Amino acid sequence: MNNKTIENLSTFDPSEYLTNEEVQKLYIEEAKRTGDTKFLSECIEHVEKAKQDKA
């Protein structure tokens, strides 16, 4: 049995997977479809972070 606890888990960072413009565009489009403006804002921040990390 795996005894992992929350303390052993790392934080998920979506920006690590937003590796190109096409993926970033699709990510934002899907966020828009939810109608949740807070979620959309967070997704935009993830895309911006991905772009900064790539630079």
PDB file of N, CA and C in Angstrom:
ATOM      1  N   MET A   1       0.845  -1.187   0.000  1.00  0.00           N
ATOM      2  CA  MET A   1       0.000   0.000   0.000  1.00  0.00           C
ATOM      3  C   MET A   1       0.881   1.238   0.000  1.00  0.00           C
ATOM      4  N   ASN A   2       0.475   2.258  -0.750  1.00  0.00           N
ATOM      5  CA  ASN A   2       1.235   3.497  -0.848  1.00  0.00           C
ATOM      6  C   ASN A   2       0.842   4.408   0.311  1.00  0.00           C
ATOM      7  N   ASN A   3       1.814   4.857   1.073  1.00  0.00           N
ATOM      8  CA  ASN A   3       1.547   5.682   2.250  1.00  0.00           C
ATOM      9  C   ASN A   3       1.791   7.162   2.007  1.00  0.00           C
ATOM     10  N   LYS A   4       1.526   7.648   0.818  1.00  0.00           N
ATOM     11  CA  LYS A   4       1.723   9.073   0.535  1.00  0.00           C
ATOM     12  C   LYS A   4       0.705   9.903   1.298  1.00  0.00           C
ATOM     13  N   THR A   5       1.167  11.014   1.782  1.00  0.00           N
ATOM     14  CA  THR A   5       0.279  11.965   2.435  1.00  0.00           C
ATOM     15  C   THR A   5       0.351  13.271   1.675  1.00  0.00           C
ATOM     16  N   ILE A   6      -0.502  14.182   2.034  1.00  0.00           N
ATOM     17  CA  ILE A   6      -0.510  15.475   1.363  1.00  0.00           C
ATOM     18  C   ILE A   6       0.842  16.157   1.493  1.00  0.00           C
ATOM     19  N   GLU A   7       1.514  15.980   2.582  1.00  0.00           N
ATOM     20  CA  GLU A   7       2.816  16.615   2.772  1.00  0.00           C
ATOM     21  C   GLU A   7       3.837  16.155   1.738  1.00  0.00           C
ATOM     22  N   ASN A   8       3.637  14.965   1.168  1.00  0.00           N
ATOM     23  CA  ASN A   8       4.595  14.418   0.212  1.00  0.00           C
ATOM     24  C   ASN A   8       4.292  14.824  -1.226  1.00  0.00           C
ATOM     25  N   LEU A   9       3.172  15.479  -1.445  1.00  0.00           N
ATOM     26  CA  LEU A   9       2.787  15.846  -2.802  1.00  0.00           C
ATOM     27  C   LEU A   9       3.349  17.212  -3.172  1.00  0.00           C
ATOM     28  N   SER A  10       3.730  17.346  -4.427  1.00  0.00           N
ATOM     29  CA  SER A  10       4.196  18.641  -4.902  1.00  0.00           C
ATOM     30  C   SER A  10       3.014  19.447  -5.433  1.00  0.00           C
ATOM     31  N   THR A  11       3.198  20.730  -5.545  1.00  0.00           N
ATOM     32  CA  THR A  11       2.154  21.613  -6.062  1.00  0.00           C
ATOM     33  C   THR A  11       2.087  21.488  -7.578  1.00  0.00           C
ATOM     34  N   PHE A  12       0.880  21.344  -8.100  1.00  0.00           N
ATOM     35  CA  PHE A  12       0.687  21.246  -9.539  1.00  0.00           C
ATOM     36  C   PHE A  12       0.773  22.632 -10.149  1.00  0.00           C
ATOM     37  N   ASP A  13       1.576  22.771 -11.185  1.00  0.00           N
ATOM     38  CA  ASP A  13       1.737  24.043 -11.881  1.00  0.00           C
ATOM     39  C   ASP A  13       1.346  23.854 -13.351  1.00  0.00           C
ATOM     40  N   PRO A  14       0.138  24.271 -13.727  1.00  0.00           N
ATOM     41  CA  PRO A  14      -0.318  24.081 -15.108  1.00  0.00           C
ATOM     42  C   PRO A  14       0.591  24.742 -16.139  1.00  0.00           C
ATOM     43  N   SER A  15       1.258  25.810 -15.760  1.00  0.00           N
ATOM     44  CA  SER A  15       2.102  26.521 -16.729  1.00  0.00           C
ATOM     45  C   SER A  15       3.214  25.637 -17.283  1.00  0.00           C
ATOM     46  N   GLU A  16       3.594  24.607 -16.554  1.00  0.00           N
ATOM     47  CA  GLU A  16       4.641  23.697 -17.031  1.00  0.00           C
ATOM     48  C   GLU A  16       4.192  22.909 -18.260  1.00  0.00           C
ATOM     49  N   TYR A  17       2.879  22.814 -18.474  1.00  0.00           N
ATOM     50  CA  TYR A  17       2.341  22.031 -19.583  1.00  0.00           C
ATOM     51  C   TYR A  17       1.844  22.903 -20.735  1.00  0.00           C
ATOM     52  N   LEU A  18       1.917  24.197 -20.568  1.00  0.00           N
ATOM     53  CA  LEU A  18       1.481  25.130 -21.611  1.00  0.00           C
ATOM     54  C   LEU A  18       2.692  25.505 -22.454  1.00  0.00           C
ATOM     55  N   THR A  19       3.162  24.555 -23.233  1.00  0.00           N
ATOM     56  CA  THR A  19       4.470  24.640 -23.865  1.00  0.00           C
ATOM     57  C   THR A  19       4.509  25.353 -25.210  1.00  0.00           C
ATOM     58  N   ASN A  20       3.342  25.620 -25.802  1.00  0.00           N
ATOM     59  CA  ASN A  20       3.358  26.325 -27.083  1.00  0.00           C
ATOM     60  C   ASN A  20       2.081  27.137 -27.238  1.00  0.00           C
ATOM     61  N   GLU A  21       2.063  28.002 -28.229  1.00  0.00           N
ATOM     62  CA  GLU A  21       0.933  28.926 -28.418  1.00  0.00           C
ATOM     63  C   GLU A  21      -0.383  28.199 -28.679  1.00  0.00           C
ATOM     64  N   GLU A  22      -0.334  27.098 -29.409  1.00  0.00           N
ATOM     65  CA  GLU A  22      -1.562  26.366 -29.714  1.00  0.00           C
ATOM     66  C   GLU A  22      -2.185  25.806 -28.429  1.00  0.00           C
ATOM     67  N   VAL A  23      -1.379  25.210 -27.586  1.00  0.00           N
ATOM     68  CA  VAL A  23      -1.874  24.661 -26.321  1.00  0.00           C
ATOM     69  C   VAL A  23      -2.389  25.784 -25.432  1.00  0.00           C
ATOM     70  N   GLN A  24      -1.684  26.885 -25.406  1.00  0.00           N
ATOM     71  CA  GLN A  24      -2.099  28.025 -24.588  1.00  0.00           C
ATOM     72  C   GLN A  24      -3.443  28.565 -25.056  1.00  0.00           C
ATOM     73  N   LYS A  25      -3.621  28.666 -26.365  1.00  0.00           N
ATOM     74  CA  LYS A  25      -4.877  29.163 -26.934  1.00  0.00           C
ATOM     75  C   LYS A  25      -6.034  28.234 -26.574  1.00  0.00           C
ATOM     76  N   LEU A  26      -5.834  26.938 -26.717  1.00  0.00           N
ATOM     77  CA  LEU A  26      -6.880  25.968 -26.377  1.00  0.00           C
ATOM     78  C   LEU A  26      -7.218  26.024 -24.892  1.00  0.00           C
ATOM     79  N   TYR A  27      -6.220  26.198 -24.066  1.00  0.00           N
ATOM     80  CA  TYR A  27      -6.409  26.292 -22.615  1.00  0.00           C
ATOM     81  C   TYR A  27      -7.319  27.481 -22.271  1.00  0.00           C
ATOM     82  N   ILE A  28      -7.036  28.620 -22.877  1.00  0.00           N
ATOM     83  CA  ILE A  28      -7.840  29.824 -22.637  1.00  0.00           C
ATOM     84  C   ILE A  28      -9.253  29.648 -23.196  1.00  0.00           C
ATOM     85  N   GLU A  29      -9.377  29.053 -24.373  1.00  0.00           N
ATOM     86  CA  GLU A  29     -10.700  28.825 -24.965  1.00  0.00           C
ATOM     87  C   GLU A  29     -11.560  27.946 -24.061  1.00  0.00           C
ATOM     88  N   GLU A  30     -10.974  26.895 -23.521  1.00  0.00           N
ATOM     89  CA  GLU A  30     -11.718  26.010 -22.620  1.00  0.00           C
ATOM     90  C   GLU A  30     -12.098  26.731 -21.336  1.00  0.00           C
ATOM     91  N   ALA A  31     -11.214  27.568 -20.844  1.00  0.00           N
ATOM     92  CA  ALA A  31     -11.515  28.340 -19.632  1.00  0.00           C
ATOM     93  C   ALA A  31     -12.677  29.294 -19.886  1.00  0.00           C
ATOM     94  N   LYS A  32     -12.718  29.905 -21.071  1.00  0.00           N
ATOM     95  CA  LYS A  32     -13.817  30.814 -21.418  1.00  0.00           C
ATOM     96  C   LYS A  32     -15.146  30.080 -21.442  1.00  0.00           C
ATOM     97  N   ARG A  33     -15.130  28.847 -21.903  1.00  0.00           N
ATOM     98  CA  ARG A  33     -16.365  28.068 -22.006  1.00  0.00           C
ATOM     99  C   ARG A  33     -17.004  27.802 -20.650  1.00  0.00           C
ATOM    100  N   THR A  34     -16.221  27.838 -19.586  1.00  0.00           N
ATOM    101  CA  THR A  34     -16.790  27.565 -18.265  1.00  0.00           C
ATOM    102  C   THR A  34     -17.675  28.706 -17.794  1.00  0.00           C
ATOM    103  N   GLY A  35     -17.425  29.918 -18.300  1.00  0.00           N
ATOM    104  CA  GLY A  35     -18.180  31.078 -17.852  1.00  0.00           C
ATOM    105  C   GLY A  35     -17.742  31.587 -16.485  1.00  0.00           C
ATOM    106  N   ASP A  36     -16.706  31.002 -15.946  1.00  0.00           N
ATOM    107  CA  ASP A  36     -16.205  31.365 -14.620  1.00  0.00           C
ATOM    108  C   ASP A  36     -15.062  32.367 -14.789  1.00  0.00           C
ATOM    109  N   THR A  37     -15.331  33.637 -14.509  1.00  0.00           N
ATOM    110  CA  THR A  37     -14.328  34.681 -14.753  1.00  0.00           C
ATOM    111  C   THR A  37     -13.100  34.546 -13.853  1.00  0.00           C
ATOM    112  N   LYS A  38     -13.300  34.064 -12.638  1.00  0.00           N
ATOM    113  CA  LYS A  38     -12.147  33.866 -11.744  1.00  0.00           C
ATOM    114  C   LYS A  38     -11.236  32.773 -12.302  1.00  0.00           C
ATOM    115  N   PHE A  39     -11.842  31.681 -12.755  1.00  0.00           N
ATOM    116  CA  PHE A  39     -11.069  30.595 -13.342  1.00  0.00           C
ATOM    117  C   PHE A  39     -10.344  31.069 -14.602  1.00  0.00           C
ATOM    118  N   LEU A  40     -11.033  31.831 -15.449  1.00  0.00           N
ATOM    119  CA  LEU A  40     -10.421  32.371 -16.657  1.00  0.00           C
ATOM    120  C   LEU A  40      -9.224  33.239 -16.303  1.00  0.00           C
ATOM    121  N   SER A  41      -9.365  34.076 -15.302  1.00  0.00           N
ATOM    122  CA  SER A  41      -8.268  34.941 -14.867  1.00  0.00           C
ATOM    123  C   SER A  41      -7.066  34.114 -14.410  1.00  0.00           C
ATOM    124  N   GLU A  42      -7.320  33.047 -13.672  1.00  0.00           N
ATOM    125  CA  GLU A  42      -6.232  32.171 -13.219  1.00  0.00           C
ATOM    126  C   GLU A  42      -5.550  31.504 -14.402  1.00  0.00           C
ATOM    127  N   CYS A  43      -6.324  31.097 -15.390  1.00  0.00           N
ATOM    128  CA  CYS A  43      -5.752  30.452 -16.574  1.00  0.00           C
ATOM    129  C   CYS A  43      -4.894  31.425 -17.374  1.00  0.00           C
ATOM    130  N   ILE A  44      -5.342  32.656 -17.468  1.00  0.00           N
ATOM    131  CA  ILE A  44      -4.544  33.676 -18.152  1.00  0.00           C
ATOM    132  C   ILE A  44      -3.219  33.868 -17.427  1.00  0.00           C
ATOM    133  N   GLU A  45      -3.250  33.873 -16.113  1.00  0.00           N
ATOM    134  CA  GLU A  45      -2.011  33.978 -15.328  1.00  0.00           C
ATOM    135  C   GLU A  45      -1.090  32.793 -15.596  1.00  0.00           C
ATOM    136  N   HIS A  46      -1.653  31.595 -15.719  1.00  0.00           N
ATOM    137  CA  HIS A  46      -0.831  30.415 -16.019  1.00  0.00           C
ATOM    138  C   HIS A  46      -0.147  30.565 -17.379  1.00  0.00           C
ATOM    139  N   VAL A  47      -0.893  31.066 -18.358  1.00  0.00           N
ATOM    140  CA  VAL A  47      -0.327  31.254 -19.696  1.00  0.00           C
ATOM    141  C   VAL A  47       0.785  32.300 -19.650  1.00  0.00           C
ATOM    142  N   GLU A  48       0.550  33.386 -18.952  1.00  0.00           N
ATOM    143  CA  GLU A  48       1.586  34.430 -18.845  1.00  0.00           C
ATOM    144  C   GLU A  48       2.847  33.878 -18.179  1.00  0.00           C
ATOM    145  N   LYS A  49       2.675  33.095 -17.149  1.00  0.00           N
ATOM    146  CA  LYS A  49       3.817  32.481 -16.462  1.00  0.00           C
ATOM    147  C   LYS A  49       4.568  31.553 -17.409  1.00  0.00           C
ATOM    148  N   ALA A  50       3.829  30.766 -18.198  1.00  0.00           N
ATOM    149  CA  ALA A  50       4.460  29.862 -19.146  1.00  0.00           C
ATOM    150  C   ALA A  50       5.280  30.636 -20.172  1.00  0.00           C
ATOM    151  N   LYS A  51       4.743  31.758 -20.620  1.00  0.00           N
ATOM    152  CA  LYS A  51       5.470  32.585 -21.593  1.00  0.00           C
ATOM    153  C   LYS A  51       6.732  33.182 -20.964  1.00  0.00           C
ATOM    154  N   GLN A  52       6.648  33.628 -19.722  1.00  0.00           N
ATOM    155  CA  GLN A  52       7.820  34.179 -19.033  1.00  0.00           C
ATOM    156  C   GLN A  52       8.878  33.111 -18.803  1.00  0.00           C
ATOM    157  N   ASP A  53       8.438  31.929 -18.407  1.00  0.00           N
ATOM    158  CA  ASP A  53       9.393  30.852 -18.143  1.00  0.00           C
ATOM    159  C   ASP A  53      10.105  30.409 -19.413  1.00  0.00           C
ATOM    160  N   LYS A  54       9.435  30.550 -20.549  1.00  0.00           N
ATOM    161  CA  LYS A  54      10.014  30.158 -21.837  1.00  0.00           C
ATOM    162  C   LYS A  54      11.045  31.185 -22.318  1.00  0.00           C
ATOM    163  N   ALA A  55      10.837  32.441 -21.940  1.00  0.00           N
ATOM    164  CA  ALA A  55      11.709  33.529 -22.409  1.00  0.00           C
ATOM    165  C   ALA A  55      13.094  33.463 -21.810  1.00  0.00           C
TER     166      ALA A  55
END
